[in-house]
Each structure stands twice: as structure tokens, then as C-alpha cells.
Amino acid sequence: MPRTSDHEERRRQIAVAVCALIADRGLDAVTVARTAAEAGMSVGLVQHYFRTKDEMLLHAFGEVGAAIRRRADERIRAGIEHRRPISQVLAEAMTEFVPLDETRRTEFRVTRAFAGRALDNPALAAVDVETARRLREDIARAVRNGKECGEVEEELDPWLAAVRLTAVTEGLAMQVYRDPAGVNGVPAAELCASLIAAELATVFTGECRQYTAKNAVGAADA
């Protein structure tokens, strides 16, 4: 009897195949037969795991979302370990959602394809909405943490800030996808870093007390 890890690996291979088809040929190219050929499997095996195109797309969307969150979480863990300001950590995490390299461009195509399909499919739309809510919740949590350490003013509404920063991230992702080389001579990576930093500066207007204390200790030891 196949092990659970074998099943998970096959599902992962199918998700990779779906993403490759979308990246190379668009959503319309995704069929069970083409996905099976791309994954090096039989049609019957693919259908054992996913009966329809929407099921395959939903799984691929989940895999892409998990990959982005793993990278963002790694940025956050590194920031906590080195006791860096929340605004800097959040800036790096937000950048993971912007298609600045081929991996993220493929992810962006998959997420956009999923969003388009979700317009006419309530089940997919519910997943799309929940994914967006999770991003807002993550950003709102970062803003609340910023209040606790002194980076954010007490009267600022975390949810309003989260909606705005999410909108900036999503809009910037679309702009970079359309013009990967940048705009008016400004490289995409530089443009992304500058705009995200500028938006975060309107929310994180103070300085983290932990960061200030670390600098004070360093100055005393110098």
C-alpha cells in the first residue's frame, strides 16, 4: 500500500505540472490529460487525486500560497532572531508577494488564474476571499505588534492600515508583472523596495524600543 508521503509527492507533482502549464501556455491549457503528460503520469492516476480542472487548480493555488507563506515566515523568523524593527521585517515579507523573479512570476500567474476562475465559481471564490483575509490579518497583527514596541502610534487602526498595505502589495504585484524591467529606468526590485518602504513609513512612524535599547547597548560597549 503506498505510503502517505508517496501520495503527498504525487499531489505535489501534479501541482507543479499545473503551474508549469499555466506559466507556459495559460489557464486554458490546463486539462487532466495535459497535466498528466506534464507530470509524467497516467490520466487515470491524476484523476485518482483530482477529478476536475477546478480541483487541480485549487490544489495548485494552495501549494503556491503555502510556498509564499513559507518564504515570508522565514523572513519573519530571521527578523525576530536578529531583533530587527517590525517595519523592516514586514517590508521583506510583503516583497515575497511581488513577482520579482521567475518563481514568483509563475506563482503570480497561478494566483491570477485562480482569481479569474473564482469569479464564476462560489467554492473557489470562498478560498480566494479567505486567502486575502489571512494576508490582511497577518499585516494587522504586525501593526498591533508595532504598537506594543513603539513603532506605531496608539490611535492608528490596524485594520485600516492592513487594508491599505494589502492593496499596495497587490497593486504593486500587478504593476511589476506587467513591467518586469521596471518603470522609467527604475528597476523593478528598486521600485518595489522604495514604494513599500514609503507606505510602511506612514504606518510605522516610531522606533522600536527593543531596537533602540540594542543600539544604546552597542554604543555603550564601543
C-alpha atoms as a PDB file:
ATOM      1  CA  MET A   1       0.000   0.000   0.000  1.00  0.00           C
ATOM      2  CA  PRO A   2       1.509   3.401  -0.971  1.00  0.00           C
ATOM      3  CA  ARG A   3       2.786   5.465   1.918  1.00  0.00           C
ATOM      4  CA  THR A   4       1.234   8.817   2.803  1.00  0.00           C
ATOM      5  CA  SER A   5       4.460  10.508   1.664  1.00  0.00           C
ATOM      6  CA  ASP A   6       4.023   8.910  -1.787  1.00  0.00           C
ATOM      7  CA  HIS A   7       0.520  10.347  -2.089  1.00  0.00           C
ATOM      8  CA  GLU A   8       1.743  13.780  -0.995  1.00  0.00           C
ATOM      9  CA  GLU A   9       4.590  13.676  -3.505  1.00  0.00           C
ATOM     10  CA  ARG A  10       2.234  12.772  -6.362  1.00  0.00           C
ATOM     11  CA  ARG A  11      -0.121  15.581  -5.424  1.00  0.00           C
ATOM     12  CA  ARG A  12       2.854  17.945  -5.327  1.00  0.00           C
ATOM     13  CA  GLN A  13       3.995  16.763  -8.770  1.00  0.00           C
ATOM     14  CA  ILE A  14       0.527  17.404 -10.164  1.00  0.00           C
ATOM     15  CA  ALA A  15       0.519  20.905  -8.665  1.00  0.00           C
ATOM     16  CA  VAL A  16       3.925  21.610 -10.228  1.00  0.00           C
ATOM     17  CA  ALA A  17       2.610  20.396 -13.590  1.00  0.00           C
ATOM     18  CA  VAL A  18      -0.455  22.649 -13.366  1.00  0.00           C
ATOM     19  CA  CYS A  19       1.743  25.647 -12.523  1.00  0.00           C
ATOM     20  CA  ALA A  20       4.072  24.867 -15.429  1.00  0.00           C
ATOM     21  CA  LEU A  21       1.163  24.692 -17.883  1.00  0.00           C
ATOM     22  CA  ILE A  22      -0.292  27.975 -16.656  1.00  0.00           C
ATOM     23  CA  ALA A  23       3.113  29.684 -16.790  1.00  0.00           C
ATOM     24  CA  ASP A  24       3.897  28.440 -20.299  1.00  0.00           C
ATOM     25  CA  ARG A  25       0.523  28.372 -22.021  1.00  0.00           C
ATOM     26  CA  GLY A  26      -2.136  29.919 -19.790  1.00  0.00           C
ATOM     27  CA  LEU A  27      -5.098  28.593 -17.864  1.00  0.00           C
ATOM     28  CA  ASP A  28      -6.896  27.244 -20.932  1.00  0.00           C
ATOM     29  CA  ALA A  29      -4.033  24.801 -21.485  1.00  0.00           C
ATOM     30  CA  VAL A  30      -4.736  23.038 -18.197  1.00  0.00           C
ATOM     31  CA  THR A  31      -6.592  19.781 -18.750  1.00  0.00           C
ATOM     32  CA  VAL A  32      -6.372  16.459 -16.968  1.00  0.00           C
ATOM     33  CA  ALA A  33      -4.659  14.892 -19.992  1.00  0.00           C
ATOM     34  CA  ARG A  34      -2.072  17.662 -20.412  1.00  0.00           C
ATOM     35  CA  THR A  35      -1.425  17.767 -16.678  1.00  0.00           C
ATOM     36  CA  ALA A  36      -0.832  14.014 -16.676  1.00  0.00           C
ATOM     37  CA  ALA A  37       1.638  14.327 -19.570  1.00  0.00           C
ATOM     38  CA  GLU A  38       3.444  17.238 -17.898  1.00  0.00           C
ATOM     39  CA  ALA A  39       3.688  15.313 -14.614  1.00  0.00           C
ATOM     40  CA  GLY A  40       4.771  12.069 -16.306  1.00  0.00           C
ATOM     41  CA  MET A  41       1.729  10.184 -15.003  1.00  0.00           C
ATOM     42  CA  SER A  42      -1.242   8.384 -16.474  1.00  0.00           C
ATOM     43  CA  VAL A  43      -4.549  10.177 -16.837  1.00  0.00           C
ATOM     44  CA  GLY A  44      -6.094   7.616 -14.508  1.00  0.00           C
ATOM     45  CA  LEU A  45      -3.571   8.376 -11.772  1.00  0.00           C
ATOM     46  CA  VAL A  46      -4.204  12.121 -11.989  1.00  0.00           C
ATOM     47  CA  GLN A  47      -7.957  11.508 -11.864  1.00  0.00           C
ATOM     48  CA  HIS A  48      -7.430   9.360  -8.778  1.00  0.00           C
ATOM     49  CA  TYR A  49      -6.327  12.523  -6.962  1.00  0.00           C
ATOM     50  CA  PHE A  50      -8.279  15.221  -8.810  1.00  0.00           C
ATOM     51  CA  ARG A  51     -11.473  14.654 -10.751  1.00  0.00           C
ATOM     52  CA  THR A  52     -11.766  18.097 -12.324  1.00  0.00           C
ATOM     53  CA  LYS A  53      -9.725  21.048 -13.521  1.00  0.00           C
ATOM     54  CA  ASP A  54     -11.046  23.191 -10.669  1.00  0.00           C
ATOM     55  CA  GLU A  55      -9.840  20.655  -8.113  1.00  0.00           C
ATOM     56  CA  MET A  56      -6.360  20.686  -9.668  1.00  0.00           C
ATOM     57  CA  LEU A  57      -6.329  24.484  -9.792  1.00  0.00           C
ATOM     58  CA  LEU A  58      -7.438  24.712  -6.167  1.00  0.00           C
ATOM     59  CA  HIS A  59      -4.637  22.396  -5.094  1.00  0.00           C
ATOM     60  CA  ALA A  60      -2.045  24.295  -7.163  1.00  0.00           C
ATOM     61  CA  PHE A  61      -3.277  27.568  -5.657  1.00  0.00           C
ATOM     62  CA  GLY A  62      -2.879  26.090  -2.178  1.00  0.00           C
ATOM     63  CA  GLU A  63       0.647  24.905  -2.949  1.00  0.00           C
ATOM     64  CA  VAL A  64       1.629  28.334  -4.280  1.00  0.00           C
ATOM     65  CA  GLY A  65       0.137  30.075  -1.264  1.00  0.00           C
ATOM     66  CA  ALA A  66       1.980  27.733   1.084  1.00  0.00           C
ATOM     67  CA  ALA A  67       5.277  28.367  -0.703  1.00  0.00           C
ATOM     68  CA  ILE A  68       4.866  32.140  -0.433  1.00  0.00           C
ATOM     69  CA  ARG A  69       3.936  31.916   3.233  1.00  0.00           C
ATOM     70  CA  ARG A  70       6.948  29.691   3.967  1.00  0.00           C
ATOM     71  CA  ARG A  71       9.278  32.302   2.493  1.00  0.00           C
ATOM     72  CA  ALA A  72       7.505  35.136   4.306  1.00  0.00           C
ATOM     73  CA  ASP A  73       7.593  33.194   7.584  1.00  0.00           C
ATOM     74  CA  GLU A  74      11.311  32.596   7.137  1.00  0.00           C
ATOM     75  CA  ARG A  75      11.824  36.334   6.724  1.00  0.00           C
ATOM     76  CA  ILE A  76       9.832  36.922   9.908  1.00  0.00           C
ATOM     77  CA  ARG A  77      11.769  34.276  11.879  1.00  0.00           C
ATOM     78  CA  ALA A  78      15.084  35.782  10.789  1.00  0.00           C
ATOM     79  CA  GLY A  79      13.874  39.254  11.753  1.00  0.00           C
ATOM     80  CA  ILE A  80      12.792  38.100  15.211  1.00  0.00           C
ATOM     81  CA  GLU A  81      16.074  36.256  15.715  1.00  0.00           C
ATOM     82  CA  HIS A  82      18.077  39.374  14.918  1.00  0.00           C
ATOM     83  CA  ARG A  83      15.634  41.678  16.764  1.00  0.00           C
ATOM     84  CA  ARG A  84      15.072  43.890  13.756  1.00  0.00           C
ATOM     85  CA  PRO A  85      12.333  46.547  13.551  1.00  0.00           C
ATOM     86  CA  ILE A  86       8.917  45.176  12.606  1.00  0.00           C
ATOM     87  CA  SER A  87       8.645  47.600   9.676  1.00  0.00           C
ATOM     88  CA  GLN A  88      11.781  46.141   8.072  1.00  0.00           C
ATOM     89  CA  VAL A  89      10.635  42.568   8.587  1.00  0.00           C
ATOM     90  CA  LEU A  90       7.181  43.344   7.178  1.00  0.00           C
ATOM     91  CA  ALA A  91       8.729  45.046   4.148  1.00  0.00           C
ATOM     92  CA  GLU A  92      10.663  41.887   3.304  1.00  0.00           C
ATOM     93  CA  ALA A  93       7.618  39.674   3.870  1.00  0.00           C
ATOM     94  CA  MET A  94       5.444  41.855   1.618  1.00  0.00           C
ATOM     95  CA  THR A  95       8.067  41.660  -1.139  1.00  0.00           C
ATOM     96  CA  GLU A  96       7.577  37.889  -1.316  1.00  0.00           C
ATOM     97  CA  PHE A  97       4.159  38.550  -2.863  1.00  0.00           C
ATOM     98  CA  VAL A  98       5.631  40.631  -5.703  1.00  0.00           C
ATOM     99  CA  PRO A  99       6.773  38.768  -8.877  1.00  0.00           C
ATOM    100  CA  LEU A 100      10.399  39.885  -8.916  1.00  0.00           C
ATOM    101  CA  ASP A 101      11.829  36.596 -10.246  1.00  0.00           C
ATOM    102  CA  GLU A 102      10.689  33.662 -12.379  1.00  0.00           C
ATOM    103  CA  THR A 103       9.455  31.641  -9.409  1.00  0.00           C
ATOM    104  CA  ARG A 104       7.278  34.470  -8.163  1.00  0.00           C
ATOM    105  CA  ARG A 105       6.096  35.307 -11.702  1.00  0.00           C
ATOM    106  CA  THR A 106       4.865  31.733 -12.084  1.00  0.00           C
ATOM    107  CA  GLU A 107       3.172  31.952  -8.684  1.00  0.00           C
ATOM    108  CA  PHE A 108       1.541  35.221  -9.679  1.00  0.00           C
ATOM    109  CA  ARG A 109       0.166  33.721 -12.910  1.00  0.00           C
ATOM    110  CA  VAL A 110      -1.322  30.828 -10.939  1.00  0.00           C
ATOM    111  CA  THR A 111      -2.946  33.101  -8.358  1.00  0.00           C
ATOM    112  CA  ARG A 112      -4.367  35.382 -11.062  1.00  0.00           C
ATOM    113  CA  ALA A 113      -5.697  32.400 -12.996  1.00  0.00           C
ATOM    114  CA  PHE A 114      -7.308  31.107  -9.830  1.00  0.00           C
ATOM    115  CA  ALA A 115      -8.874  34.507  -9.082  1.00  0.00           C
ATOM    116  CA  GLY A 116     -10.286  34.706 -12.590  1.00  0.00           C
ATOM    117  CA  ARG A 117     -11.765  31.233 -12.349  1.00  0.00           C
ATOM    118  CA  ALA A 118     -13.187  32.071  -8.919  1.00  0.00           C
ATOM    119  CA  LEU A 119     -15.349  34.841 -10.401  1.00  0.00           C
ATOM    120  CA  ASP A 120     -17.807  32.212 -11.634  1.00  0.00           C
ATOM    121  CA  ASN A 121     -17.249  29.527  -9.012  1.00  0.00           C
ATOM    122  CA  PRO A 122     -18.516  30.204  -5.448  1.00  0.00           C
ATOM    123  CA  ALA A 123     -16.423  27.399  -3.930  1.00  0.00           C
ATOM    124  CA  LEU A 124     -13.197  28.769  -5.417  1.00  0.00           C
ATOM    125  CA  ALA A 125     -14.260  32.330  -4.568  1.00  0.00           C
ATOM    126  CA  ALA A 126     -14.601  31.385  -0.900  1.00  0.00           C
ATOM    127  CA  VAL A 127     -10.998  30.138  -0.868  1.00  0.00           C
ATOM    128  CA  ASP A 128      -9.797  33.273  -2.665  1.00  0.00           C
ATOM    129  CA  VAL A 129     -11.545  35.511  -0.129  1.00  0.00           C
ATOM    130  CA  GLU A 130     -10.153  33.561   2.834  1.00  0.00           C
ATOM    131  CA  THR A 131      -6.619  33.793   1.432  1.00  0.00           C
ATOM    132  CA  ALA A 132      -6.933  37.580   1.135  1.00  0.00           C
ATOM    133  CA  ARG A 133      -8.287  37.803   4.669  1.00  0.00           C
ATOM    134  CA  ARG A 134      -5.329  35.869   6.049  1.00  0.00           C
ATOM    135  CA  LEU A 135      -2.914  38.336   4.471  1.00  0.00           C
ATOM    136  CA  ARG A 136      -4.814  41.275   5.984  1.00  0.00           C
ATOM    137  CA  GLU A 137      -4.829  39.543   9.364  1.00  0.00           C
ATOM    138  CA  ASP A 138      -1.065  38.981   9.201  1.00  0.00           C
ATOM    139  CA  ILE A 139      -0.428  42.640   8.412  1.00  0.00           C
ATOM    140  CA  ALA A 140      -2.882  43.844  11.074  1.00  0.00           C
ATOM    141  CA  ARG A 141      -1.080  41.647  13.613  1.00  0.00           C
ATOM    142  CA  ALA A 142       2.240  43.206  12.629  1.00  0.00           C
ATOM    143  CA  VAL A 143       0.760  46.678  13.109  1.00  0.00           C
ATOM    144  CA  ARG A 144      -0.572  45.732  16.555  1.00  0.00           C
ATOM    145  CA  ASN A 145       2.869  44.380  17.467  1.00  0.00           C
ATOM    146  CA  GLY A 146       4.283  47.682  16.276  1.00  0.00           C
ATOM    147  CA  LYS A 147       2.051  49.467  18.756  1.00  0.00           C
ATOM    148  CA  GLU A 148       3.373  47.318  21.594  1.00  0.00           C
ATOM    149  CA  CYS A 149       7.006  48.067  20.823  1.00  0.00           C
ATOM    150  CA  GLY A 150       6.555  51.756  19.976  1.00  0.00           C
ATOM    151  CA  GLU A 151       6.838  51.715  16.188  1.00  0.00           C
ATOM    152  CA  VAL A 152       3.150  52.555  15.621  1.00  0.00           C
ATOM    153  CA  GLU A 153       1.019  55.300  17.172  1.00  0.00           C
ATOM    154  CA  GLU A 154      -1.647  54.033  19.577  1.00  0.00           C
ATOM    155  CA  GLU A 155      -4.575  55.695  17.782  1.00  0.00           C
ATOM    156  CA  LEU A 156      -3.855  54.078  14.410  1.00  0.00           C
ATOM    157  CA  ASP A 157      -6.435  51.460  13.312  1.00  0.00           C
ATOM    158  CA  PRO A 158      -4.579  48.201  12.467  1.00  0.00           C
ATOM    159  CA  TRP A 159      -7.303  47.022  10.088  1.00  0.00           C
ATOM    160  CA  LEU A 160      -7.379  50.204   8.025  1.00  0.00           C
ATOM    161  CA  ALA A 161      -3.599  50.070   7.787  1.00  0.00           C
ATOM    162  CA  ALA A 162      -3.759  46.387   6.801  1.00  0.00           C
ATOM    163  CA  VAL A 163      -6.278  47.053   4.026  1.00  0.00           C
ATOM    164  CA  ARG A 164      -4.130  49.835   2.628  1.00  0.00           C
ATOM    165  CA  LEU A 165      -0.872  47.880   2.794  1.00  0.00           C
ATOM    166  CA  THR A 166      -2.528  44.835   1.250  1.00  0.00           C
ATOM    167  CA  ALA A 167      -3.883  46.969  -1.579  1.00  0.00           C
ATOM    168  CA  VAL A 168      -0.422  48.435  -2.154  1.00  0.00           C
ATOM    169  CA  THR A 169       1.139  44.968  -2.249  1.00  0.00           C
ATOM    170  CA  GLU A 170      -1.459  43.565  -4.658  1.00  0.00           C
ATOM    171  CA  GLY A 171      -1.361  46.610  -6.918  1.00  0.00           C
ATOM    172  CA  LEU A 172       2.434  46.665  -6.946  1.00  0.00           C
ATOM    173  CA  ALA A 173       2.496  42.964  -7.825  1.00  0.00           C
ATOM    174  CA  MET A 174       0.348  43.635 -10.887  1.00  0.00           C
ATOM    175  CA  GLN A 175       2.479  46.602 -11.956  1.00  0.00           C
ATOM    176  CA  VAL A 176       5.708  44.592 -11.670  1.00  0.00           C
ATOM    177  CA  TYR A 177       4.202  41.654 -13.521  1.00  0.00           C
ATOM    178  CA  ARG A 178       3.231  43.919 -16.422  1.00  0.00           C
ATOM    179  CA  ASP A 179       6.592  45.713 -16.483  1.00  0.00           C
ATOM    180  CA  PRO A 180       9.204  43.309 -15.023  1.00  0.00           C
ATOM    181  CA  ALA A 181      12.091  45.505 -16.182  1.00  0.00           C
ATOM    182  CA  GLY A 182      10.829  48.434 -14.118  1.00  0.00           C
ATOM    183  CA  VAL A 183       9.360  51.857 -14.896  1.00  0.00           C
ATOM    184  CA  ASN A 184      11.122  54.896 -16.396  1.00  0.00           C
ATOM    185  CA  GLY A 185      14.535  53.367 -15.884  1.00  0.00           C
ATOM    186  CA  VAL A 186      13.932  52.350 -12.261  1.00  0.00           C
ATOM    187  CA  PRO A 187      14.499  48.577 -11.856  1.00  0.00           C
ATOM    188  CA  ALA A 188      11.505  46.636 -10.560  1.00  0.00           C
ATOM    189  CA  ALA A 189      13.246  45.473  -7.368  1.00  0.00           C
ATOM    190  CA  GLU A 190      14.328  49.029  -6.524  1.00  0.00           C
ATOM    191  CA  LEU A 191      10.880  50.397  -7.317  1.00  0.00           C
ATOM    192  CA  CYS A 192       9.248  47.748  -5.139  1.00  0.00           C
ATOM    193  CA  ALA A 193      11.545  48.368  -2.167  1.00  0.00           C
ATOM    194  CA  SER A 194      11.091  52.142  -2.421  1.00  0.00           C
ATOM    195  CA  LEU A 195       7.289  52.087  -2.627  1.00  0.00           C
ATOM    196  CA  ILE A 196       6.814  49.534   0.147  1.00  0.00           C
ATOM    197  CA  ALA A 197       9.219  51.449   2.402  1.00  0.00           C
ATOM    198  CA  ALA A 198       7.368  54.709   1.717  1.00  0.00           C
ATOM    199  CA  GLU A 199       3.980  53.179   2.571  1.00  0.00           C
ATOM    200  CA  LEU A 200       5.279  51.498   5.712  1.00  0.00           C
ATOM    201  CA  ALA A 201       6.855  54.777   6.833  1.00  0.00           C
ATOM    202  CA  THR A 202       3.363  56.292   7.086  1.00  0.00           C
ATOM    203  CA  VAL A 203       2.299  53.497   9.458  1.00  0.00           C
ATOM    204  CA  PHE A 204       5.463  52.713  11.404  1.00  0.00           C
ATOM    205  CA  THR A 205       6.313  56.263  12.408  1.00  0.00           C
ATOM    206  CA  GLY A 206       8.175  55.481  15.648  1.00  0.00           C
ATOM    207  CA  GLU A 207      11.193  53.397  16.608  1.00  0.00           C
ATOM    208  CA  CYS A 208      11.051  50.021  18.285  1.00  0.00           C
ATOM    209  CA  ARG A 209      12.070  50.216  21.942  1.00  0.00           C
ATOM    210  CA  GLN A 210      13.952  46.921  21.669  1.00  0.00           C
ATOM    211  CA  TYR A 211      15.860  48.245  18.663  1.00  0.00           C
ATOM    212  CA  THR A 212      16.660  51.473  20.487  1.00  0.00           C
ATOM    213  CA  ALA A 213      17.856  49.549  23.523  1.00  0.00           C
ATOM    214  CA  LYS A 214      20.102  47.365  21.382  1.00  0.00           C
ATOM    215  CA  ASN A 215      21.699  50.416  19.781  1.00  0.00           C
ATOM    216  CA  ALA A 216      22.197  52.005  23.203  1.00  0.00           C
ATOM    217  CA  VAL A 217      23.975  48.893  24.497  1.00  0.00           C
ATOM    218  CA  GLY A 218      26.152  48.805  21.401  1.00  0.00           C
ATOM    219  CA  ALA A 219      27.119  52.452  21.819  1.00  0.00           C
ATOM    220  CA  ALA A 220      27.958  51.901  25.496  1.00  0.00           C
ATOM    221  CA  ASP A 221      30.212  48.953  24.644  1.00  0.00           C
ATOM    222  CA  ALA A 222      32.017  50.866  21.890  1.00  0.00           C
END
